[in-house]
């Protein structure tokens, strides 16, 4: 570890200690690197920039009020994602939308080869142009909240399974089964969209 690394770590720890003591400026510095990913997460979940901003502000306010209890057992970013997850979930439930996060009793699901991570990576590579990105965004909106969230966390933001499990308080096996079914549903939605859009272009 270099001297610069040691200085940086000491500065970050000092900021964290100050934030725990109630210093708002220190809290701003501590959460700085997390704000853009948190907003991107909220935006993908809600498809509404204003709502995403409101949820992030509410979650960060909750974080500031409760950071004194942050133990450091998880990464600060994971802790903040957890708060935002709960804030979003409260919003979904208040809106009376589908909130079922239930899985098969054994929490397992045999993921077909076509839905492997490598296969989905190839699918994402094929959806880089603006039109297909828009189709993917619309398809995400049609997923249930639980399925949409795991796709966003895993396939959009690249979180590890154990990190997603910690954010959502869900077993890793359940996360994997939910993701497999979400990917399959996305594939069907995108397949269904394509013929409809092609027909519309012909008229």
N, C-alpha and C. Protein backbone atom coordinates (compact mmCIF):
# COMPACT_ATOMS: atom_id res chain seq x y z
N UNK A 1 0.85 -1.19 0.00
CA UNK A 1 0.00 0.00 0.00
C UNK A 1 0.89 1.24 0.00
N UNK A 2 0.60 2.18 -0.86
CA UNK A 2 1.40 3.39 -0.96
C UNK A 2 1.00 4.39 0.12
N UNK A 3 1.85 5.41 0.28
CA UNK A 3 1.55 6.47 1.25
C UNK A 3 0.26 7.20 0.87
N UNK A 4 0.05 7.36 -0.44
CA UNK A 4 -1.17 8.04 -0.91
C UNK A 4 -2.41 7.22 -0.54
N UNK A 5 -2.31 5.89 -0.67
CA UNK A 5 -3.43 5.02 -0.30
C UNK A 5 -3.73 5.13 1.19
N UNK A 6 -2.68 5.13 1.99
CA UNK A 6 -2.84 5.24 3.44
C UNK A 6 -3.52 6.55 3.82
N UNK A 7 -3.09 7.64 3.17
CA UNK A 7 -3.68 8.95 3.42
C UNK A 7 -5.16 8.98 3.02
N UNK A 8 -5.46 8.40 1.85
CA UNK A 8 -6.84 8.39 1.36
C UNK A 8 -7.75 7.61 2.31
N UNK A 9 -7.28 6.42 2.74
CA UNK A 9 -8.09 5.59 3.64
C UNK A 9 -8.31 6.30 4.97
N UNK A 10 -7.28 6.97 5.47
CA UNK A 10 -7.41 7.70 6.74
C UNK A 10 -8.39 8.85 6.59
N UNK A 11 -8.36 9.53 5.44
CA UNK A 11 -9.27 10.64 5.20
C UNK A 11 -10.72 10.14 5.10
N UNK A 12 -10.92 9.02 4.40
CA UNK A 12 -12.26 8.45 4.26
C UNK A 12 -12.81 8.01 5.61
N UNK A 13 -11.94 7.42 6.44
CA UNK A 13 -12.38 6.98 7.77
C UNK A 13 -12.74 8.19 8.63
N UNK A 14 -11.94 9.25 8.51
CA UNK A 14 -12.22 10.46 9.28
C UNK A 14 -13.57 11.06 8.86
N UNK A 15 -13.84 11.05 7.55
CA UNK A 15 -15.12 11.56 7.06
C UNK A 15 -16.27 10.70 7.56
N UNK A 16 -16.08 9.38 7.57
CA UNK A 16 -17.12 8.48 8.04
C UNK A 16 -17.40 8.71 9.52
N UNK A 17 -16.33 8.87 10.30
CA UNK A 17 -16.49 9.12 11.74
C UNK A 17 -17.23 10.44 11.97
N UNK A 18 -16.89 11.46 11.17
CA UNK A 18 -17.55 12.75 11.31
C UNK A 18 -19.02 12.67 10.89
N UNK A 19 -19.29 11.89 9.83
CA UNK A 19 -20.67 11.72 9.39
C UNK A 19 -21.49 11.02 10.46
N UNK A 20 -20.90 10.02 11.09
CA UNK A 20 -21.59 9.32 12.19
C UNK A 20 -21.90 10.26 13.34
N UNK A 21 -21.05 11.28 13.51
CA UNK A 21 -21.25 12.26 14.59
C UNK A 21 -22.24 13.34 14.19
N UNK A 22 -22.75 13.27 12.95
CA UNK A 22 -23.78 14.22 12.53
C UNK A 22 -23.31 15.36 11.65
N UNK A 23 -22.11 15.27 11.10
CA UNK A 23 -21.59 16.33 10.24
C UNK A 23 -22.15 16.16 8.83
N UNK A 24 -23.04 17.07 8.37
CA UNK A 24 -23.64 16.90 7.04
C UNK A 24 -22.64 17.02 5.89
N UNK A 25 -21.63 17.86 6.04
CA UNK A 25 -20.63 18.00 4.99
C UNK A 25 -19.83 16.71 4.83
N UNK A 26 -19.49 16.09 5.94
CA UNK A 26 -18.76 14.82 5.89
C UNK A 26 -19.63 13.74 5.26
N UNK A 27 -20.92 13.76 5.58
CA UNK A 27 -21.83 12.78 4.99
C UNK A 27 -21.88 12.96 3.47
N UNK A 28 -21.93 14.20 3.00
CA UNK A 28 -21.93 14.47 1.55
C UNK A 28 -20.68 13.90 0.90
N UNK A 29 -19.54 14.06 1.56
CA UNK A 29 -18.30 13.52 0.99
C UNK A 29 -18.31 12.00 0.97
N UNK A 30 -18.85 11.40 2.02
CA UNK A 30 -18.87 9.94 2.13
C UNK A 30 -19.75 9.32 1.06
N UNK A 31 -20.90 9.93 0.82
CA UNK A 31 -21.85 9.33 -0.13
C UNK A 31 -21.61 9.78 -1.57
N UNK A 32 -20.69 10.72 -1.77
CA UNK A 32 -20.46 11.26 -3.10
C UNK A 32 -20.34 10.23 -4.21
N UNK A 33 -19.45 9.22 -4.06
CA UNK A 33 -19.28 8.24 -5.13
C UNK A 33 -20.50 7.35 -5.36
N UNK A 34 -21.42 7.32 -4.40
CA UNK A 34 -22.58 6.42 -4.50
C UNK A 34 -23.78 7.07 -5.17
N UNK A 35 -23.80 8.38 -5.28
CA UNK A 35 -25.03 9.06 -5.66
C UNK A 35 -25.48 8.74 -7.09
N UNK A 36 -24.55 8.75 -8.03
CA UNK A 36 -24.94 8.47 -9.42
C UNK A 36 -25.44 7.04 -9.59
N UNK A 37 -24.74 6.02 -9.06
CA UNK A 37 -25.27 4.65 -9.18
C UNK A 37 -26.62 4.47 -8.49
N UNK A 38 -26.81 5.12 -7.35
CA UNK A 38 -28.09 5.02 -6.65
C UNK A 38 -29.21 5.62 -7.49
N UNK A 39 -28.95 6.77 -8.09
CA UNK A 39 -29.97 7.40 -8.93
C UNK A 39 -30.27 6.52 -10.16
N UNK A 40 -29.22 5.97 -10.76
CA UNK A 40 -29.42 5.10 -11.92
C UNK A 40 -30.26 3.88 -11.55
N UNK A 41 -30.02 3.34 -10.38
CA UNK A 41 -30.80 2.20 -9.87
C UNK A 41 -32.26 2.59 -9.73
N UNK A 42 -32.51 3.72 -9.07
CA UNK A 42 -33.88 4.19 -8.86
C UNK A 42 -34.57 4.51 -10.19
N UNK A 43 -33.83 5.08 -11.12
CA UNK A 43 -34.42 5.43 -12.41
C UNK A 43 -34.83 4.19 -13.19
N UNK A 44 -34.01 3.15 -13.16
CA UNK A 44 -34.36 1.91 -13.84
C UNK A 44 -35.58 1.23 -13.19
N UNK A 45 -35.69 1.37 -11.88
CA UNK A 45 -36.82 0.75 -11.19
C UNK A 45 -38.13 1.48 -11.46
N UNK A 46 -38.07 2.80 -11.60
CA UNK A 46 -39.29 3.60 -11.68
C UNK A 46 -39.61 4.10 -13.08
N UNK A 47 -38.58 4.22 -13.94
CA UNK A 47 -38.74 4.82 -15.28
C UNK A 47 -39.32 6.24 -15.18
N UNK A 48 -39.02 6.91 -14.08
CA UNK A 48 -39.55 8.26 -13.85
C UNK A 48 -38.44 9.09 -13.19
N UNK A 49 -37.82 10.02 -13.93
CA UNK A 49 -36.69 10.79 -13.37
C UNK A 49 -37.04 11.54 -12.10
N UNK A 50 -38.24 12.14 -12.05
CA UNK A 50 -38.62 12.92 -10.86
C UNK A 50 -38.84 12.01 -9.65
N UNK A 51 -39.52 10.89 -9.88
CA UNK A 51 -39.73 9.95 -8.79
C UNK A 51 -38.42 9.35 -8.33
N UNK A 52 -37.53 9.02 -9.27
CA UNK A 52 -36.22 8.47 -8.91
C UNK A 52 -35.45 9.44 -8.04
N UNK A 53 -35.51 10.72 -8.39
CA UNK A 53 -34.81 11.74 -7.60
C UNK A 53 -35.42 11.85 -6.21
N UNK A 54 -36.75 11.82 -6.14
CA UNK A 54 -37.43 11.91 -4.84
C UNK A 54 -37.06 10.73 -3.95
N UNK A 55 -37.05 9.52 -4.53
CA UNK A 55 -36.72 8.33 -3.75
C UNK A 55 -35.28 8.40 -3.25
N UNK A 56 -34.38 8.86 -4.11
CA UNK A 56 -32.97 8.97 -3.70
C UNK A 56 -32.81 9.98 -2.57
N UNK A 57 -33.47 11.13 -2.70
CA UNK A 57 -33.37 12.14 -1.65
C UNK A 57 -33.92 11.63 -0.33
N UNK A 58 -35.05 10.92 -0.41
CA UNK A 58 -35.64 10.36 0.81
C UNK A 58 -34.71 9.32 1.42
N UNK A 59 -34.14 8.46 0.57
CA UNK A 59 -33.24 7.41 1.07
C UNK A 59 -31.98 8.01 1.69
N UNK A 60 -31.42 9.02 1.05
CA UNK A 60 -30.20 9.64 1.58
C UNK A 60 -30.48 10.39 2.88
N UNK A 61 -31.66 10.98 2.98
CA UNK A 61 -32.03 11.62 4.25
C UNK A 61 -32.14 10.58 5.36
N UNK A 62 -32.74 9.44 5.03
CA UNK A 62 -32.81 8.35 6.01
C UNK A 62 -31.40 7.88 6.36
N UNK A 63 -30.53 7.80 5.36
CA UNK A 63 -29.16 7.39 5.60
C UNK A 63 -28.44 8.34 6.53
N UNK A 64 -28.62 9.66 6.32
CA UNK A 64 -27.98 10.64 7.19
C UNK A 64 -28.46 10.50 8.62
N UNK A 65 -29.78 10.27 8.77
CA UNK A 65 -30.34 10.18 10.12
C UNK A 65 -29.92 8.91 10.85
N UNK A 66 -29.58 7.87 10.07
CA UNK A 66 -29.27 6.58 10.72
C UNK A 66 -27.82 6.15 10.59
N UNK A 67 -26.97 7.00 10.01
CA UNK A 67 -25.59 6.56 9.77
C UNK A 67 -24.83 6.33 11.08
N UNK A 68 -25.32 6.92 12.16
CA UNK A 68 -24.68 6.66 13.45
C UNK A 68 -24.74 5.20 13.83
N UNK A 69 -25.71 4.48 13.26
CA UNK A 69 -25.83 3.05 13.54
C UNK A 69 -25.17 2.17 12.51
N UNK A 70 -24.50 2.79 11.52
CA UNK A 70 -23.81 2.00 10.49
C UNK A 70 -22.59 1.34 11.12
N UNK A 71 -22.56 0.00 11.09
CA UNK A 71 -21.51 -0.74 11.80
C UNK A 71 -20.28 -1.02 10.94
N UNK A 72 -20.44 -0.92 9.63
CA UNK A 72 -19.32 -1.25 8.75
C UNK A 72 -19.23 -2.72 8.43
N UNK A 73 -20.23 -3.51 8.84
CA UNK A 73 -20.22 -4.93 8.52
C UNK A 73 -20.43 -5.19 7.03
N UNK A 74 -21.03 -4.22 6.35
CA UNK A 74 -21.16 -4.28 4.90
C UNK A 74 -20.57 -3.00 4.33
N UNK A 75 -20.39 -2.97 3.02
CA UNK A 75 -19.89 -1.75 2.38
C UNK A 75 -20.93 -0.64 2.55
N UNK A 76 -20.46 0.59 2.64
CA UNK A 76 -21.38 1.72 2.79
C UNK A 76 -22.35 1.77 1.62
N UNK A 77 -21.86 1.51 0.40
CA UNK A 77 -22.72 1.55 -0.78
C UNK A 77 -23.84 0.52 -0.66
N UNK A 78 -23.51 -0.69 -0.20
CA UNK A 78 -24.53 -1.73 -0.03
C UNK A 78 -25.56 -1.30 1.00
N UNK A 79 -25.12 -0.68 2.07
CA UNK A 79 -26.02 -0.19 3.11
C UNK A 79 -26.98 0.86 2.53
N UNK A 80 -26.45 1.77 1.70
CA UNK A 80 -27.29 2.80 1.08
C UNK A 80 -28.26 2.19 0.07
N UNK A 81 -27.79 1.21 -0.69
CA UNK A 81 -28.69 0.52 -1.63
C UNK A 81 -29.84 -0.14 -0.85
N UNK A 82 -29.52 -0.70 0.29
CA UNK A 82 -30.54 -1.36 1.10
C UNK A 82 -31.61 -0.35 1.53
N UNK A 83 -31.18 0.83 1.95
CA UNK A 83 -32.13 1.87 2.35
C UNK A 83 -32.99 2.29 1.16
N UNK A 84 -32.36 2.47 0.00
CA UNK A 84 -33.11 2.87 -1.19
C UNK A 84 -34.06 1.76 -1.63
N UNK A 85 -33.63 0.51 -1.52
CA UNK A 85 -34.50 -0.62 -1.83
C UNK A 85 -35.77 -0.57 -0.98
N UNK A 86 -35.61 -0.35 0.32
CA UNK A 86 -36.76 -0.30 1.22
C UNK A 86 -37.65 0.91 0.92
N UNK A 87 -37.03 2.04 0.58
CA UNK A 87 -37.78 3.24 0.25
C UNK A 87 -38.62 3.03 -1.00
N UNK A 88 -38.02 2.42 -2.01
CA UNK A 88 -38.75 2.11 -3.25
C UNK A 88 -39.86 1.11 -2.98
N UNK A 89 -39.57 0.09 -2.18
CA UNK A 89 -40.57 -0.94 -1.89
C UNK A 89 -41.77 -0.33 -1.16
N UNK A 90 -41.51 0.59 -0.25
CA UNK A 90 -42.61 1.28 0.44
C UNK A 90 -43.47 2.04 -0.57
N UNK A 91 -42.82 2.68 -1.54
CA UNK A 91 -43.56 3.43 -2.56
C UNK A 91 -44.43 2.49 -3.40
N UNK A 92 -43.87 1.34 -3.78
CA UNK A 92 -44.63 0.38 -4.58
C UNK A 92 -45.85 -0.10 -3.82
N UNK A 93 -45.66 -0.41 -2.55
CA UNK A 93 -46.76 -0.93 -1.74
C UNK A 93 -47.84 0.13 -1.51
N UNK A 94 -47.44 1.36 -1.31
CA UNK A 94 -48.41 2.44 -1.11
C UNK A 94 -49.22 2.67 -2.39
N UNK A 95 -48.60 2.41 -3.53
CA UNK A 95 -49.30 2.60 -4.79
C UNK A 95 -50.22 1.46 -5.14
N UNK A 96 -50.21 0.41 -4.34
CA UNK A 96 -51.10 -0.72 -4.56
C UNK A 96 -50.70 -1.58 -5.74
N UNK A 97 -49.44 -1.50 -6.15
CA UNK A 97 -48.99 -2.28 -7.28
C UNK A 97 -48.56 -3.67 -6.84
N UNK A 98 -48.31 -4.52 -7.83
CA UNK A 98 -47.88 -5.90 -7.57
C UNK A 98 -46.63 -5.90 -6.71
N UNK A 99 -46.70 -6.55 -5.55
CA UNK A 99 -45.55 -6.57 -4.65
C UNK A 99 -45.14 -7.98 -4.26
N UNK A 100 -45.65 -8.98 -4.95
CA UNK A 100 -45.32 -10.35 -4.57
C UNK A 100 -43.86 -10.67 -4.87
N UNK A 101 -43.14 -11.05 -3.84
CA UNK A 101 -41.74 -11.44 -4.00
C UNK A 101 -41.60 -12.93 -3.66
N UNK A 102 -42.72 -13.65 -3.77
CA UNK A 102 -42.70 -15.06 -3.41
C UNK A 102 -42.01 -15.90 -4.47
N UNK A 103 -41.38 -16.97 -4.04
CA UNK A 103 -40.65 -17.89 -4.91
C UNK A 103 -41.13 -19.31 -4.64
N UNK A 104 -40.76 -20.28 -5.47
CA UNK A 104 -41.04 -21.67 -5.14
C UNK A 104 -40.48 -22.00 -3.77
N UNK A 105 -41.12 -22.92 -3.06
CA UNK A 105 -40.76 -23.18 -1.67
C UNK A 105 -39.30 -23.53 -1.49
N UNK A 106 -38.71 -24.26 -2.43
CA UNK A 106 -37.32 -24.65 -2.24
C UNK A 106 -36.36 -23.56 -2.69
N UNK A 107 -36.90 -22.48 -3.30
CA UNK A 107 -36.05 -21.37 -3.70
C UNK A 107 -35.10 -21.70 -4.82
N UNK A 108 -35.34 -22.77 -5.55
CA UNK A 108 -34.40 -23.17 -6.58
C UNK A 108 -35.04 -23.10 -7.95
N UNK A 109 -34.20 -23.05 -8.96
CA UNK A 109 -34.69 -22.99 -10.33
C UNK A 109 -33.53 -23.40 -11.23
N UNK A 110 -33.76 -24.40 -12.06
CA UNK A 110 -32.71 -24.84 -12.97
C UNK A 110 -32.64 -23.88 -14.14
N UNK A 111 -31.57 -23.13 -14.22
CA UNK A 111 -31.43 -22.12 -15.26
C UNK A 111 -31.05 -22.76 -16.58
N UNK A 112 -31.90 -22.63 -17.60
CA UNK A 112 -31.56 -23.21 -18.91
C UNK A 112 -30.28 -22.59 -19.46
N UNK A 113 -29.59 -23.34 -20.29
CA UNK A 113 -28.33 -22.84 -20.85
C UNK A 113 -28.51 -21.53 -21.59
N UNK A 114 -29.66 -21.37 -22.26
CA UNK A 114 -29.87 -20.16 -23.05
C UNK A 114 -29.95 -18.92 -22.17
N UNK A 115 -30.21 -19.12 -20.88
CA UNK A 115 -30.31 -17.99 -19.98
C UNK A 115 -29.05 -17.80 -19.14
N UNK A 116 -27.98 -18.42 -19.54
CA UNK A 116 -26.74 -18.27 -18.79
C UNK A 116 -26.26 -16.82 -18.86
N UNK A 117 -25.39 -16.45 -17.96
CA UNK A 117 -24.87 -15.09 -17.94
C UNK A 117 -24.22 -14.75 -19.29
N UNK A 118 -23.46 -15.68 -19.84
CA UNK A 118 -22.79 -15.43 -21.11
C UNK A 118 -23.80 -15.16 -22.22
N UNK A 119 -24.90 -15.92 -22.21
CA UNK A 119 -25.92 -15.72 -23.24
C UNK A 119 -26.57 -14.36 -23.08
N UNK A 120 -26.80 -13.95 -21.84
CA UNK A 120 -27.43 -12.66 -21.64
C UNK A 120 -26.48 -11.52 -21.98
N UNK A 121 -25.19 -11.72 -21.72
CA UNK A 121 -24.19 -10.71 -22.13
C UNK A 121 -24.23 -10.51 -23.64
N UNK A 122 -24.35 -11.61 -24.37
CA UNK A 122 -24.42 -11.50 -25.84
C UNK A 122 -25.69 -10.77 -26.25
N UNK A 123 -26.77 -11.04 -25.53
CA UNK A 123 -28.02 -10.34 -25.82
C UNK A 123 -27.86 -8.83 -25.59
N UNK A 124 -27.22 -8.45 -24.47
CA UNK A 124 -27.03 -7.04 -24.19
C UNK A 124 -26.16 -6.38 -25.26
N UNK A 125 -25.14 -7.10 -25.73
CA UNK A 125 -24.26 -6.57 -26.76
C UNK A 125 -25.06 -6.26 -28.03
N UNK A 126 -26.09 -7.06 -28.26
CA UNK A 126 -26.90 -6.88 -29.47
C UNK A 126 -27.95 -5.79 -29.30
N UNK A 127 -28.06 -5.21 -28.10
CA UNK A 127 -29.08 -4.18 -27.88
C UNK A 127 -28.45 -2.84 -27.54
N UNK A 128 -27.36 -2.53 -28.19
CA UNK A 128 -26.67 -1.30 -27.86
C UNK A 128 -27.19 -0.09 -28.62
N UNK A 129 -27.87 -0.27 -29.74
CA UNK A 129 -28.36 0.90 -30.43
C UNK A 129 -29.58 1.46 -29.72
N UNK A 130 -29.91 2.73 -30.00
CA UNK A 130 -30.93 3.45 -29.24
C UNK A 130 -32.29 2.77 -29.31
N UNK A 131 -32.68 2.27 -30.49
CA UNK A 131 -34.00 1.67 -30.64
C UNK A 131 -34.16 0.45 -29.74
N UNK A 132 -33.15 -0.42 -29.74
CA UNK A 132 -33.25 -1.63 -28.94
C UNK A 132 -33.13 -1.33 -27.44
N UNK A 133 -32.35 -0.30 -27.11
CA UNK A 133 -32.28 0.10 -25.70
C UNK A 133 -33.64 0.57 -25.21
N UNK A 134 -34.36 1.29 -26.08
CA UNK A 134 -35.70 1.76 -25.71
C UNK A 134 -36.64 0.58 -25.54
N UNK A 135 -36.54 -0.40 -26.41
CA UNK A 135 -37.37 -1.60 -26.29
C UNK A 135 -37.08 -2.33 -24.98
N UNK A 136 -35.81 -2.41 -24.63
CA UNK A 136 -35.43 -3.08 -23.39
C UNK A 136 -35.98 -2.33 -22.19
N UNK A 137 -35.92 -0.99 -22.24
CA UNK A 137 -36.46 -0.19 -21.13
C UNK A 137 -37.96 -0.42 -20.98
N UNK A 138 -38.68 -0.49 -22.10
CA UNK A 138 -40.12 -0.73 -22.04
C UNK A 138 -40.41 -2.13 -21.50
N UNK A 139 -39.61 -3.09 -21.92
CA UNK A 139 -39.80 -4.46 -21.44
C UNK A 139 -39.55 -4.54 -19.94
N UNK A 140 -38.53 -3.84 -19.45
CA UNK A 140 -38.24 -3.83 -18.01
C UNK A 140 -39.44 -3.32 -17.22
N UNK A 141 -40.13 -2.32 -17.76
CA UNK A 141 -41.29 -1.76 -17.07
C UNK A 141 -42.42 -2.78 -16.91
N UNK A 142 -42.45 -3.76 -17.80
CA UNK A 142 -43.52 -4.76 -17.75
C UNK A 142 -43.23 -5.89 -16.76
N UNK A 143 -42.00 -5.98 -16.29
CA UNK A 143 -41.67 -7.00 -15.30
C UNK A 143 -42.26 -6.62 -13.95
N UNK A 144 -42.46 -7.63 -13.10
CA UNK A 144 -42.87 -7.34 -11.73
C UNK A 144 -41.74 -6.58 -11.03
N UNK A 145 -42.05 -5.83 -9.96
CA UNK A 145 -40.99 -5.11 -9.25
C UNK A 145 -39.82 -6.00 -8.84
N UNK A 146 -40.12 -7.19 -8.34
CA UNK A 146 -39.06 -8.09 -7.87
C UNK A 146 -38.14 -8.51 -9.01
N UNK A 147 -38.73 -8.87 -10.15
CA UNK A 147 -37.92 -9.30 -11.28
C UNK A 147 -37.13 -8.13 -11.88
N UNK A 148 -37.80 -6.98 -11.98
CA UNK A 148 -37.11 -5.82 -12.54
C UNK A 148 -35.89 -5.46 -11.69
N UNK A 149 -36.05 -5.53 -10.39
CA UNK A 149 -34.95 -5.14 -9.50
C UNK A 149 -33.72 -6.04 -9.68
N UNK A 150 -33.91 -7.34 -9.76
CA UNK A 150 -32.73 -8.21 -9.88
C UNK A 150 -32.05 -8.02 -11.23
N UNK A 151 -32.82 -7.75 -12.28
CA UNK A 151 -32.20 -7.47 -13.59
C UNK A 151 -31.37 -6.20 -13.51
N UNK A 152 -31.92 -5.17 -12.88
CA UNK A 152 -31.20 -3.90 -12.76
C UNK A 152 -29.91 -4.09 -11.94
N UNK A 153 -30.03 -4.76 -10.81
CA UNK A 153 -28.86 -4.92 -9.94
C UNK A 153 -27.79 -5.82 -10.55
N UNK A 154 -28.21 -6.91 -11.18
CA UNK A 154 -27.25 -7.88 -11.71
C UNK A 154 -26.78 -7.54 -13.12
N UNK A 155 -27.74 -7.35 -14.04
CA UNK A 155 -27.38 -7.24 -15.45
C UNK A 155 -27.11 -5.81 -15.91
N UNK A 156 -27.68 -4.83 -15.21
CA UNK A 156 -27.42 -3.45 -15.59
C UNK A 156 -26.26 -2.87 -14.78
N UNK A 157 -26.27 -3.12 -13.46
CA UNK A 157 -25.24 -2.51 -12.63
C UNK A 157 -24.12 -3.46 -12.22
N UNK A 158 -24.29 -4.75 -12.47
CA UNK A 158 -23.18 -5.69 -12.27
C UNK A 158 -22.87 -6.08 -10.85
N UNK A 159 -23.85 -6.00 -9.94
CA UNK A 159 -23.60 -6.40 -8.57
C UNK A 159 -23.46 -7.93 -8.46
N UNK A 160 -22.65 -8.37 -7.52
CA UNK A 160 -22.49 -9.79 -7.26
C UNK A 160 -23.75 -10.33 -6.59
N UNK A 161 -23.96 -11.65 -6.74
CA UNK A 161 -25.16 -12.26 -6.16
C UNK A 161 -25.24 -12.05 -4.65
N UNK A 162 -24.12 -12.20 -3.96
CA UNK A 162 -24.18 -12.05 -2.50
C UNK A 162 -24.49 -10.61 -2.10
N UNK A 163 -24.04 -9.66 -2.91
CA UNK A 163 -24.35 -8.26 -2.63
C UNK A 163 -25.84 -7.98 -2.85
N UNK A 164 -26.41 -8.54 -3.93
CA UNK A 164 -27.85 -8.38 -4.19
C UNK A 164 -28.65 -9.01 -3.06
N UNK A 165 -28.19 -10.16 -2.59
CA UNK A 165 -28.87 -10.84 -1.50
C UNK A 165 -28.87 -9.97 -0.24
N UNK A 166 -27.76 -9.27 -0.01
CA UNK A 166 -27.68 -8.41 1.17
C UNK A 166 -28.57 -7.18 1.01
N UNK A 167 -28.61 -6.60 -0.18
CA UNK A 167 -29.43 -5.42 -0.43
C UNK A 167 -30.91 -5.75 -0.25
N UNK A 168 -31.33 -6.90 -0.79
CA UNK A 168 -32.75 -7.24 -0.81
C UNK A 168 -33.16 -8.17 0.32
N UNK A 169 -32.19 -8.63 1.12
CA UNK A 169 -32.46 -9.60 2.19
C UNK A 169 -33.16 -10.84 1.63
N UNK A 170 -32.58 -11.37 0.57
CA UNK A 170 -33.14 -12.53 -0.13
C UNK A 170 -32.03 -13.55 -0.33
N UNK A 171 -32.31 -14.85 -0.15
CA UNK A 171 -31.27 -15.87 -0.36
C UNK A 171 -30.72 -15.84 -1.78
N UNK A 172 -29.44 -16.17 -1.91
CA UNK A 172 -28.79 -16.16 -3.22
C UNK A 172 -29.51 -17.09 -4.19
N UNK A 173 -29.92 -18.27 -3.73
CA UNK A 173 -30.62 -19.20 -4.60
C UNK A 173 -31.90 -18.61 -5.16
N UNK A 174 -32.60 -17.84 -4.33
CA UNK A 174 -33.82 -17.18 -4.77
C UNK A 174 -33.51 -16.09 -5.79
N UNK A 175 -32.43 -15.36 -5.54
CA UNK A 175 -32.01 -14.31 -6.49
C UNK A 175 -31.73 -14.93 -7.86
N UNK A 176 -31.03 -16.05 -7.88
CA UNK A 176 -30.68 -16.69 -9.15
C UNK A 176 -31.93 -17.17 -9.89
N UNK A 177 -32.86 -17.76 -9.16
CA UNK A 177 -34.07 -18.26 -9.81
C UNK A 177 -34.92 -17.11 -10.33
N UNK A 178 -35.00 -16.05 -9.54
CA UNK A 178 -35.77 -14.87 -9.96
C UNK A 178 -35.15 -14.24 -11.21
N UNK A 179 -33.82 -14.17 -11.24
CA UNK A 179 -33.13 -13.58 -12.38
C UNK A 179 -33.34 -14.41 -13.64
N UNK A 180 -33.28 -15.73 -13.50
CA UNK A 180 -33.48 -16.61 -14.66
C UNK A 180 -34.86 -16.40 -15.25
N UNK A 181 -35.86 -16.32 -14.38
CA UNK A 181 -37.22 -16.14 -14.88
C UNK A 181 -37.43 -14.73 -15.45
N UNK A 182 -36.76 -13.75 -14.85
CA UNK A 182 -36.85 -12.39 -15.38
C UNK A 182 -36.23 -12.28 -16.76
N UNK A 183 -35.07 -12.92 -16.95
CA UNK A 183 -34.42 -12.91 -18.27
C UNK A 183 -35.30 -13.58 -19.32
N UNK A 184 -35.91 -14.69 -18.93
CA UNK A 184 -36.78 -15.38 -19.87
C UNK A 184 -37.99 -14.52 -20.23
N UNK A 185 -38.56 -13.86 -19.23
CA UNK A 185 -39.71 -13.00 -19.51
C UNK A 185 -39.30 -11.82 -20.39
N UNK A 186 -38.12 -11.25 -20.14
CA UNK A 186 -37.62 -10.16 -20.98
C UNK A 186 -37.46 -10.63 -22.43
N UNK A 187 -36.90 -11.81 -22.59
CA UNK A 187 -36.71 -12.35 -23.95
C UNK A 187 -38.05 -12.46 -24.67
N UNK A 188 -39.07 -12.94 -23.96
CA UNK A 188 -40.39 -13.09 -24.58
C UNK A 188 -41.01 -11.73 -24.91
N UNK A 189 -40.84 -10.77 -24.00
CA UNK A 189 -41.39 -9.44 -24.24
C UNK A 189 -40.74 -8.77 -25.44
N UNK A 190 -39.43 -8.92 -25.55
CA UNK A 190 -38.72 -8.31 -26.67
C UNK A 190 -39.07 -8.99 -27.99
N UNK A 191 -39.24 -10.30 -27.94
CA UNK A 191 -39.65 -11.03 -29.13
C UNK A 191 -41.03 -10.61 -29.57
N UNK A 192 -41.91 -10.35 -28.60
CA UNK A 192 -43.28 -9.93 -28.90
C UNK A 192 -43.31 -8.51 -29.46
N UNK A 193 -42.42 -7.64 -28.94
CA UNK A 193 -42.38 -6.25 -29.40
C UNK A 193 -41.95 -6.14 -30.85
N UNK A 194 -40.97 -6.98 -31.25
CA UNK A 194 -40.36 -6.83 -32.57
C UNK A 194 -41.37 -6.93 -33.71
N UNK A 195 -42.23 -7.96 -33.77
CA UNK A 195 -43.20 -8.05 -34.88
C UNK A 195 -44.19 -6.89 -34.89
N UNK A 196 -44.59 -6.41 -33.70
CA UNK A 196 -45.55 -5.32 -33.61
C UNK A 196 -44.96 -4.05 -34.20
N UNK A 197 -43.67 -3.76 -33.85
CA UNK A 197 -43.03 -2.57 -34.36
C UNK A 197 -42.77 -2.66 -35.85
N UNK A 198 -42.44 -3.86 -36.32
CA UNK A 198 -42.20 -4.04 -37.76
C UNK A 198 -43.48 -3.79 -38.55
N UNK A 199 -44.62 -4.26 -38.01
CA UNK A 199 -45.90 -4.08 -38.68
C UNK A 199 -46.28 -2.60 -38.70
N UNK A 200 -45.98 -1.89 -37.61
CA UNK A 200 -46.31 -0.47 -37.54
C UNK A 200 -45.52 0.32 -38.56
N UNK A 201 -44.27 -0.07 -38.79
CA UNK A 201 -43.42 0.65 -39.74
C UNK A 201 -43.91 0.46 -41.19
N UNK A 202 -44.62 -0.64 -41.45
CA UNK A 202 -45.08 -0.92 -42.82
C UNK A 202 -46.30 -0.06 -43.19
N UNK A 203 -46.97 0.52 -42.20
CA UNK A 203 -48.19 1.30 -42.47
C UNK A 203 -47.90 2.79 -42.53
